[in-house]
Amino acid sequence: MAGAQRRSEGVRTRPAGAGLAWGRRFLKISLRNPVWGPFSVTPVRYVTGMETTTTTLTTDVIEQRLAAGEATIARIRAAQMVLLREADRRQAPLADGCRSMVEWVTGRLDVAPETAKTLVTTSRRLETLPTVEHAVTEGAVTFDRTAAAARVAAPSEDGTILGELAIYDVAGIRRLASNRHRITTDMEREAFDRRYLVTQPNLDESSWRLYGQLPGIAGRVLVEALDRKADTLPNDTTEARSTRHADALWAISLDSLQGTDGATIETATPLLTIFMDANDAAPSNGEAGVVIESGPRVGPSTVEAILCDGAIEVTAKTSDGKPLAMGRRTRVIPPRLRRFILHRDGGVCTIEGCTSRYRLQPHHVIPWSQGGATDPENLTTLCWFHHHVVIHGRGYTIDPDTPPQRRRLNRPDIHAPPG
């Protein structure tokens, strides 16, 4: 019934089953609409009544034609907004079973929801801003500037708002609109009450996922803290900002647990108990059957990291759970030797080019698990980033043939997929 009513009013409806071919015909008709004027671009030619090879155009002409194209887009959007107001008045979305005007525009115009929202909200705001609407209709201002200005302008400012905002770019107008947006006490309380943080391990706790929501000021404090800590770590330009934030959160957590800022030489190291299932650990070379007391399963790389900087005790057990052997509690690198190594290396990371002093730790050049001795010749000083992120995290190793104060790293072996 609603469809028949719209056909009687002269509104075009999409034929059932017409598909893509109908869409192409409608697009071709739309682009010829005299309201919007002729404008088309092909990969090689720009058409405005005559064809010109783009390679012969000067940069100034290209810029002028790009601006002219944006003005054409503004006029098209202005015409669309007039039609949208009429469709809104007729309650077209309700007749078509859509929840909102934005949903209706998203589907009918095949645009992203954010584009539809901008079109709908701007068309409604321009009803009380006739001067602004006339400017976009004439192509005198871009659609993006119009949408931003409509967020700022009150009806009483219609005649002056475009001139006042001329000193801002579109991003500046959006910031101005954001600053004018009112945040009530109820909104602040709602944001505060909705704060949460979820820490979600996988089944064997070998990796963790964190997500949540914070009030505005708390989120800003968190980001600034992560940025500041990330800046103290060696700068790896290949790392994404999110990866550096993950490393920074890890480092901040260590600082909190150990009660230090990571800058002092002698930092506390935790006692960890490692349980090993002999039946699983032996044949897999430690890749299975190893777990930390009241904690996650770990693999060889994590065990190596623990052996570097923790006091440990190892308990091996049989398949029926009976203790097979109890390793005595030991600090793999004694405190006295640790202090000597850090002093010998000048209290700085020995990786070539690194000047970090954050959470310095001795490291076995030849891994302890591979027979490397815990003596000065086989120990070198590394910062936390190179020690835990690069070596134990990414699998790099120290080249033993490089100078003691200019250590270089060997890339990890990349195993071909089984075939």
Protein backbone atom coordinates (compact mmCIF):
# COMPACT_ATOMS: atom_id res chain seq x y z
CA MET A 1 0.00 0.00 0.00
CA ALA A 2 2.82 2.37 0.94
CA GLY A 3 4.63 1.59 -2.31
CA ALA A 4 1.49 2.27 -4.35
CA GLN A 5 1.00 5.55 -2.53
CA ARG A 6 4.56 6.67 -3.31
CA ARG A 7 4.14 5.71 -7.00
CA SER A 8 1.01 7.84 -7.15
CA GLU A 9 3.03 10.74 -5.74
CA GLY A 10 5.62 10.38 -8.49
CA VAL A 11 8.35 8.85 -6.31
CA ARG A 12 10.48 6.35 -8.21
CA THR A 13 10.67 2.91 -6.63
CA ARG A 14 13.24 0.27 -7.44
CA PRO A 15 11.80 -2.53 -9.61
CA ALA A 16 11.94 -5.91 -7.91
CA GLY A 17 14.77 -8.09 -9.20
CA ALA A 18 16.29 -5.32 -11.32
CA GLY A 19 19.62 -5.60 -9.47
CA LEU A 20 22.84 -3.95 -10.54
CA ALA A 21 21.71 -3.08 -14.06
CA TRP A 22 18.93 -0.85 -12.70
CA GLY A 23 21.43 0.83 -10.38
CA ARG A 24 23.74 1.64 -13.28
CA ARG A 25 20.91 3.12 -15.32
CA PHE A 26 19.77 5.23 -12.38
CA LEU A 27 23.35 6.45 -11.80
CA LYS A 28 23.68 7.43 -15.46
CA ILE A 29 20.43 9.38 -15.34
CA SER A 30 21.38 11.05 -12.05
CA LEU A 31 24.72 12.33 -13.34
CA ARG A 32 22.94 13.99 -16.26
CA ASN A 33 20.55 15.85 -13.95
CA PRO A 34 20.78 19.56 -14.87
CA VAL A 35 20.50 20.52 -11.20
CA TRP A 36 23.98 19.16 -10.58
CA GLY A 37 25.62 19.97 -13.90
CA PRO A 38 27.92 17.75 -16.02
CA PHE A 39 31.02 16.45 -14.31
CA SER A 40 32.88 13.22 -14.96
CA VAL A 41 36.39 11.91 -14.57
CA THR A 42 38.07 8.91 -16.19
CA PRO A 43 41.51 7.57 -15.20
CA VAL A 44 43.07 9.30 -18.23
CA ARG A 45 40.77 12.17 -19.19
CA TYR A 46 38.86 14.96 -17.45
CA VAL A 47 35.69 15.98 -19.25
CA THR A 48 34.09 19.44 -18.95
CA GLY A 49 32.73 19.89 -22.44
CA MET A 50 36.07 18.95 -24.01
CA GLU A 51 38.65 16.20 -23.48
CA THR A 52 42.15 16.95 -22.28
CA THR A 53 44.90 14.47 -21.45
CA THR A 54 45.68 14.91 -17.77
CA THR A 55 49.43 14.64 -18.33
CA THR A 56 49.38 17.95 -20.25
CA LEU A 57 47.64 19.91 -17.49
CA THR A 58 49.57 22.25 -15.24
CA THR A 59 49.43 21.71 -11.48
CA ASP A 60 47.43 24.94 -11.10
CA VAL A 61 44.81 23.71 -13.56
CA ILE A 62 44.61 20.34 -11.77
CA GLU A 63 44.08 22.13 -8.47
CA GLN A 64 41.39 24.39 -9.97
CA ARG A 65 39.53 21.46 -11.48
CA LEU A 66 39.73 19.48 -8.26
CA ALA A 67 38.21 22.45 -6.42
CA ALA A 68 35.54 22.75 -9.13
CA GLY A 69 34.74 19.07 -8.64
CA GLU A 70 34.34 19.62 -4.90
CA ALA A 71 31.97 22.52 -5.60
CA THR A 72 29.93 20.20 -7.83
CA ILE A 73 29.81 17.63 -5.03
CA ALA A 74 28.56 20.37 -2.68
CA ARG A 75 25.74 21.26 -5.07
CA ILE A 76 24.81 17.58 -5.40
CA ARG A 77 24.73 17.15 -1.63
CA ALA A 78 22.62 20.31 -1.29
CA ALA A 79 20.07 18.90 -3.73
CA GLN A 80 20.09 15.58 -1.88
CA MET A 81 19.45 17.29 1.45
CA VAL A 82 16.38 19.07 0.06
CA LEU A 83 15.03 15.71 -1.11
CA LEU A 84 15.92 14.08 2.22
CA ARG A 85 13.89 16.66 4.14
CA GLU A 86 10.90 15.90 1.96
CA ALA A 87 11.37 12.13 2.39
CA ASP A 88 11.67 12.72 6.13
CA ARG A 89 8.43 14.76 6.10
CA ARG A 90 6.64 11.91 4.32
CA GLN A 91 8.05 9.42 6.85
CA ALA A 92 9.45 7.29 4.04
CA PRO A 93 11.63 5.20 6.41
CA LEU A 94 8.58 4.16 8.46
CA ALA A 95 6.72 3.13 5.32
CA ASP A 96 9.66 0.98 4.26
CA GLY A 97 10.07 -0.66 7.66
CA CYS A 98 13.32 1.12 8.59
CA ARG A 99 14.09 2.10 12.16
CA SER A 100 15.40 5.56 11.31
CA MET A 101 16.10 8.03 8.57
CA VAL A 102 19.82 7.20 8.83
CA GLU A 103 19.13 3.52 8.26
CA TRP A 104 16.91 4.33 5.29
CA VAL A 105 19.53 6.59 3.68
CA THR A 106 22.29 4.04 4.29
CA GLY A 107 20.35 1.40 2.38
CA ARG A 108 18.79 3.53 -0.35
CA LEU A 109 21.90 5.53 -1.24
CA ASP A 110 24.37 2.70 -0.57
CA VAL A 111 26.56 4.87 1.65
CA ALA A 112 28.32 4.25 4.95
CA PRO A 113 26.26 4.85 8.13
CA GLU A 114 28.49 7.79 9.11
CA THR A 115 27.88 9.42 5.70
CA ALA A 116 24.14 8.88 6.05
CA LYS A 117 24.16 10.34 9.56
CA THR A 118 25.99 13.46 8.36
CA LEU A 119 23.58 13.94 5.47
CA VAL A 120 20.48 13.54 7.64
CA THR A 121 21.63 15.69 10.56
CA THR A 122 22.95 18.45 8.29
CA SER A 123 19.75 18.53 6.22
CA ARG A 124 17.72 19.02 9.41
CA ARG A 125 20.01 21.71 10.80
CA LEU A 126 19.99 23.68 7.55
CA GLU A 127 16.24 24.21 7.84
CA THR A 128 17.04 27.03 10.30
CA LEU A 129 20.17 28.18 8.44
CA PRO A 130 18.96 29.38 5.01
CA THR A 131 22.06 31.49 4.31
CA VAL A 132 24.37 28.53 4.89
CA GLU A 133 22.13 26.31 2.78
CA HIS A 134 22.18 28.84 -0.07
CA ALA A 135 26.01 28.91 0.03
CA VAL A 136 26.34 25.14 -0.31
CA THR A 137 23.65 25.07 -3.00
CA GLU A 138 25.73 27.54 -5.01
CA GLY A 139 28.91 25.51 -4.42
CA ALA A 140 30.47 28.45 -2.58
CA VAL A 141 31.42 26.22 0.39
CA THR A 142 32.16 22.51 0.51
CA PHE A 143 29.75 20.03 1.98
CA ASP A 144 32.21 19.08 4.75
CA ARG A 145 32.54 22.73 5.80
CA THR A 146 28.76 23.10 5.69
CA ALA A 147 28.23 20.04 7.90
CA ALA A 148 30.82 21.27 10.40
CA ALA A 149 29.41 24.81 10.43
CA ALA A 150 25.89 23.51 10.96
CA ARG A 151 27.07 21.82 14.17
CA VAL A 152 28.29 25.16 15.53
CA ALA A 153 25.78 27.71 14.26
CA ALA A 154 22.70 28.85 16.12
CA PRO A 155 19.78 30.13 13.99
CA SER A 156 20.61 33.69 15.07
CA GLU A 157 24.13 33.29 13.63
CA ASP A 158 22.99 32.22 10.17
CA GLY A 159 24.07 35.38 8.38
CA THR A 160 27.55 35.62 9.95
CA ILE A 161 28.69 32.12 10.83
CA LEU A 162 30.46 31.28 7.55
CA GLY A 163 32.52 34.47 7.73
CA GLU A 164 33.42 33.87 11.36
CA LEU A 165 34.54 30.31 10.61
CA ALA A 166 36.58 31.25 7.53
CA ILE A 167 39.75 31.41 9.66
CA TYR A 168 39.41 27.69 10.53
CA ASP A 169 39.90 24.63 8.39
CA VAL A 170 37.26 21.89 8.63
CA ALA A 171 39.17 20.06 11.39
CA GLY A 172 39.33 23.31 13.36
CA ILE A 173 35.58 23.84 13.04
CA ARG A 174 34.99 20.30 14.30
CA ARG A 175 37.20 20.96 17.33
CA LEU A 176 35.25 24.15 17.99
CA ALA A 177 31.97 22.22 17.79
CA SER A 178 33.35 19.59 20.17
CA ASN A 179 34.33 22.29 22.66
CA ARG A 180 30.82 23.74 22.53
CA HIS A 181 29.26 20.35 23.13
CA ARG A 182 27.71 20.33 26.59
CA ILE A 183 28.73 17.61 29.06
CA THR A 184 26.27 17.47 31.92
CA THR A 185 26.92 16.10 35.39
CA ASP A 186 24.64 13.18 34.60
CA MET A 187 26.72 12.38 31.49
CA GLU A 188 29.92 12.46 33.54
CA ARG A 189 28.45 10.17 36.18
CA GLU A 190 27.22 7.77 33.53
CA ALA A 191 30.69 7.61 31.96
CA PHE A 192 32.23 7.05 35.40
CA ASP A 193 29.77 4.31 36.33
CA ARG A 194 30.40 2.49 33.04
CA ARG A 195 34.16 2.15 33.61
CA TYR A 196 35.52 -1.40 33.51
CA LEU A 197 38.55 -3.47 32.56
CA VAL A 198 38.42 -7.11 31.51
CA THR A 199 41.50 -9.35 31.49
CA GLN A 200 40.72 -12.45 29.47
CA PRO A 201 43.24 -15.30 29.17
CA ASN A 202 43.00 -18.05 26.60
CA LEU A 203 42.46 -21.63 27.80
CA ASP A 204 46.06 -22.31 28.85
CA GLU A 205 46.86 -18.67 29.76
CA SER A 206 49.63 -18.50 27.17
CA SER A 207 48.23 -15.17 25.97
CA TRP A 208 45.87 -12.56 27.37
CA ARG A 209 43.35 -10.13 25.91
CA LEU A 210 42.54 -6.83 27.62
CA TYR A 211 39.67 -4.49 26.84
CA GLY A 212 37.50 -2.01 28.67
CA GLN A 213 36.21 1.53 28.96
CA LEU A 214 37.37 4.52 31.00
CA PRO A 215 36.03 8.01 31.72
CA GLY A 216 37.62 10.73 29.60
CA ILE A 217 40.22 11.99 32.09
CA ALA A 218 41.20 8.47 33.15
CA GLY A 219 41.67 7.44 29.53
CA ARG A 220 43.86 10.47 28.86
CA VAL A 221 45.99 9.71 31.93
CA LEU A 222 46.41 6.10 30.78
CA VAL A 223 47.47 7.09 27.27
CA GLU A 224 49.94 9.69 28.57
CA ALA A 225 51.43 7.15 30.99
CA LEU A 226 51.80 4.57 28.21
CA ASP A 227 53.33 7.13 25.84
CA ARG A 228 55.79 8.31 28.48
CA LYS A 229 56.89 4.78 29.35
CA ALA A 230 57.11 3.81 25.67
CA ASP A 231 59.40 6.79 25.08
CA THR A 232 61.87 5.38 27.63
CA LEU A 233 62.15 2.15 25.64
CA PRO A 234 64.38 1.89 22.56
CA ASN A 235 62.59 3.30 19.54
CA ASP A 236 61.75 0.63 17.00
CA THR A 237 60.25 2.39 14.00
CA THR A 238 58.83 -0.90 12.70
CA GLU A 239 56.60 -1.31 15.76
CA ALA A 240 53.01 -0.12 15.70
CA ARG A 241 51.93 2.33 18.40
CA SER A 242 49.61 -0.33 19.83
CA THR A 243 52.55 -2.75 20.19
CA ARG A 244 54.64 -0.12 21.99
CA HIS A 245 51.71 0.57 24.30
CA ALA A 246 51.53 -3.16 25.12
CA ASP A 247 55.25 -3.19 25.99
CA ALA A 248 54.82 -0.02 28.06
CA LEU A 249 51.90 -1.52 30.04
CA TRP A 250 54.01 -4.61 30.73
CA ALA A 251 56.91 -2.44 31.92
CA ILE A 252 54.69 -0.27 34.14
CA SER A 253 53.27 -3.43 35.73
CA LEU A 254 56.77 -4.68 36.52
CA ASP A 255 57.67 -1.32 38.06
CA SER A 256 54.59 -1.49 40.26
CA LEU A 257 55.14 -5.07 41.39
CA GLN A 258 58.81 -4.57 42.20
CA GLY A 259 58.44 -1.15 43.76
CA THR A 260 61.03 0.50 41.52
CA ASP A 261 61.19 2.79 38.52
CA GLY A 262 63.46 0.41 36.62
CA ALA A 263 66.31 2.92 36.63
CA THR A 264 68.22 1.49 39.59
CA ILE A 265 70.86 -1.18 39.09
CA GLU A 266 69.78 -3.56 41.84
CA THR A 267 66.12 -4.43 41.31
CA ALA A 268 64.16 -7.11 43.08
CA THR A 269 63.57 -10.31 41.15
CA PRO A 270 60.66 -12.62 41.88
CA LEU A 271 60.85 -16.18 43.10
CA LEU A 272 59.09 -18.45 40.65
CA THR A 273 58.33 -22.13 40.99
CA ILE A 274 58.26 -24.07 37.75
CA PHE A 275 56.51 -27.43 37.54
CA MET A 276 57.57 -29.76 34.76
CA ASP A 277 55.74 -32.88 33.65
CA ALA A 278 58.60 -35.20 32.78
CA ASN A 279 56.56 -37.25 30.29
CA ASP A 280 55.62 -34.15 28.25
CA ALA A 281 58.59 -31.84 28.78
CA ALA A 282 61.40 -34.24 27.90
CA PRO A 283 60.30 -35.36 24.41
CA SER A 284 59.14 -31.83 23.45
CA ASN A 285 62.31 -30.09 24.66
CA GLY A 286 60.28 -28.01 27.09
CA GLU A 287 57.57 -26.95 24.64
CA ALA A 288 54.93 -28.91 26.58
CA GLY A 289 54.38 -29.85 30.18
CA VAL A 290 55.85 -26.70 31.76
CA VAL A 291 53.73 -24.47 33.99
CA ILE A 292 54.39 -21.72 36.53
CA GLU A 293 52.97 -22.14 40.02
CA SER A 294 49.39 -20.78 40.07
CA GLY A 295 50.04 -19.34 36.66
CA PRO A 296 50.10 -19.97 32.94
CA ARG A 297 51.69 -22.61 30.79
CA VAL A 298 54.99 -21.40 29.39
CA GLY A 299 57.34 -22.38 26.61
CA PRO A 300 61.13 -22.48 26.22
CA SER A 301 61.53 -18.74 25.59
CA THR A 302 59.74 -17.80 28.82
CA VAL A 303 61.75 -20.35 30.77
CA GLU A 304 64.95 -18.83 29.37
CA ALA A 305 63.81 -15.37 30.48
CA ILE A 306 63.06 -16.65 33.98
CA LEU A 307 66.45 -18.31 34.18
CA CYS A 308 68.08 -14.96 33.36
CA ASP A 309 66.58 -12.78 36.06
CA GLY A 310 64.62 -14.82 38.58
CA ALA A 311 65.18 -16.91 41.65
CA ILE A 312 63.68 -20.26 40.73
CA GLU A 313 62.94 -23.70 41.98
CA VAL A 314 62.06 -26.51 39.60
CA THR A 315 59.83 -29.45 40.47
CA ALA A 316 59.56 -32.36 38.06
CA LYS A 317 56.72 -34.83 38.40
CA THR A 318 55.57 -38.07 36.85
CA SER A 319 52.32 -38.66 35.04
CA ASP A 320 50.58 -39.68 38.27
CA GLY A 321 51.54 -36.40 39.91
CA LYS A 322 54.26 -37.70 42.22
CA PRO A 323 57.37 -35.51 42.58
CA LEU A 324 60.23 -36.92 40.56
CA ALA A 325 62.91 -34.44 41.55
CA MET A 326 63.06 -31.23 43.55
CA GLY A 327 65.54 -28.65 42.34
CA ARG A 328 66.99 -26.51 45.12
CA ARG A 329 66.06 -22.87 45.22
CA THR A 330 68.78 -20.89 43.42
CA ARG A 331 69.33 -17.49 41.94
CA VAL A 332 70.73 -18.35 38.54
CA ILE A 333 72.91 -15.20 38.43
CA PRO A 334 74.10 -14.39 41.99
CA PRO A 335 73.67 -10.75 43.13
CA ARG A 336 77.43 -10.18 43.43
CA LEU A 337 78.09 -11.39 39.87
CA ARG A 338 75.10 -9.40 38.65
CA ARG A 339 76.50 -6.18 40.11
CA PHE A 340 79.92 -6.89 38.61
CA ILE A 341 78.51 -7.43 35.11
CA LEU A 342 76.45 -4.23 35.24
CA HIS A 343 79.47 -2.25 36.46
CA ARG A 344 81.78 -3.77 33.86
CA ASP A 345 79.39 -2.83 31.03
CA GLY A 346 79.10 0.78 32.22
CA GLY A 347 75.51 0.48 33.49
CA VAL A 348 74.04 0.62 29.99
CA CYS A 349 72.65 -1.80 27.42
CA THR A 350 75.42 -3.33 25.32
CA ILE A 351 73.37 -3.71 22.11
CA GLU A 352 75.02 -1.59 19.45
CA GLY A 353 73.39 1.84 19.27
CA CYS A 354 71.22 1.42 22.39
CA THR A 355 71.66 3.86 25.29
CA SER A 356 68.78 2.64 27.47
CA ARG A 357 69.33 2.10 31.20
CA TYR A 358 65.79 0.90 31.88
CA ARG A 359 65.63 -2.28 33.99
CA LEU A 360 69.12 -3.48 33.09
CA GLN A 361 69.61 -7.24 33.38
CA PRO A 362 72.48 -9.66 32.72
CA HIS A 363 71.84 -12.12 29.92
CA HIS A 364 73.58 -15.32 28.85
CA VAL A 365 75.16 -14.82 25.44
CA ILE A 366 75.07 -18.58 24.93
CA PRO A 367 71.80 -19.64 26.61
CA TRP A 368 72.08 -21.46 29.91
CA SER A 369 69.80 -24.22 28.57
CA GLN A 370 72.29 -24.81 25.74
CA GLY A 371 75.24 -25.25 28.04
CA GLY A 372 76.20 -21.60 28.40
CA ALA A 373 78.14 -20.94 31.58
CA THR A 374 77.09 -18.43 34.22
CA ASP A 375 80.42 -16.60 34.22
CA PRO A 376 81.45 -13.06 33.21
CA GLU A 377 82.67 -14.05 29.75
CA ASN A 378 79.23 -15.40 28.83
CA LEU A 379 77.16 -12.60 30.38
CA THR A 380 76.25 -9.22 28.93
CA THR A 381 74.02 -6.35 30.06
CA LEU A 382 70.72 -5.75 28.26
CA CYS A 383 67.90 -3.29 28.78
CA TRP A 384 64.44 -4.70 29.41
CA PHE A 385 63.28 -4.04 25.84
CA HIS A 386 66.13 -5.89 24.13
CA HIS A 387 66.11 -8.62 26.76
CA HIS A 388 62.43 -9.51 27.00
CA VAL A 389 60.87 -8.08 23.86
CA VAL A 390 63.55 -8.62 21.21
CA ILE A 391 65.41 -11.73 22.45
CA HIS A 392 62.92 -13.72 24.50
CA GLY A 393 59.85 -12.35 22.71
CA ARG A 394 60.85 -12.23 19.05
CA GLY A 395 63.51 -14.94 19.19
CA TYR A 396 66.63 -12.95 18.29
CA THR A 397 69.99 -14.14 19.65
CA ILE A 398 73.22 -12.31 20.44
CA ASP A 399 76.08 -12.79 18.00
CA PRO A 400 78.86 -14.11 20.28
CA ASP A 401 81.53 -12.90 17.85
CA THR A 402 80.62 -9.22 18.19
CA PRO A 403 82.54 -6.88 20.55
CA PRO A 404 81.38 -6.97 24.21
CA GLN A 405 80.31 -3.30 24.18
CA ARG A 406 78.79 -3.40 20.66
CA ARG A 407 76.71 -6.55 20.63
CA ARG A 408 74.73 -7.31 17.50
CA LEU A 409 71.72 -9.54 17.10
CA ASN A 410 71.11 -12.55 14.88
CA ARG A 411 67.69 -12.83 13.31
CA PRO A 412 65.61 -15.81 14.41
CA ASP A 413 65.54 -18.86 12.18
CA ILE A 414 62.43 -18.92 10.01
CA HIS A 415 61.28 -22.47 9.51
CA ALA A 416 59.62 -23.34 6.23
CA PRO A 417 56.08 -24.68 6.55
CA PRO A 418 55.88 -28.46 6.51
CA GLY A 419 55.34 -29.81 3.07
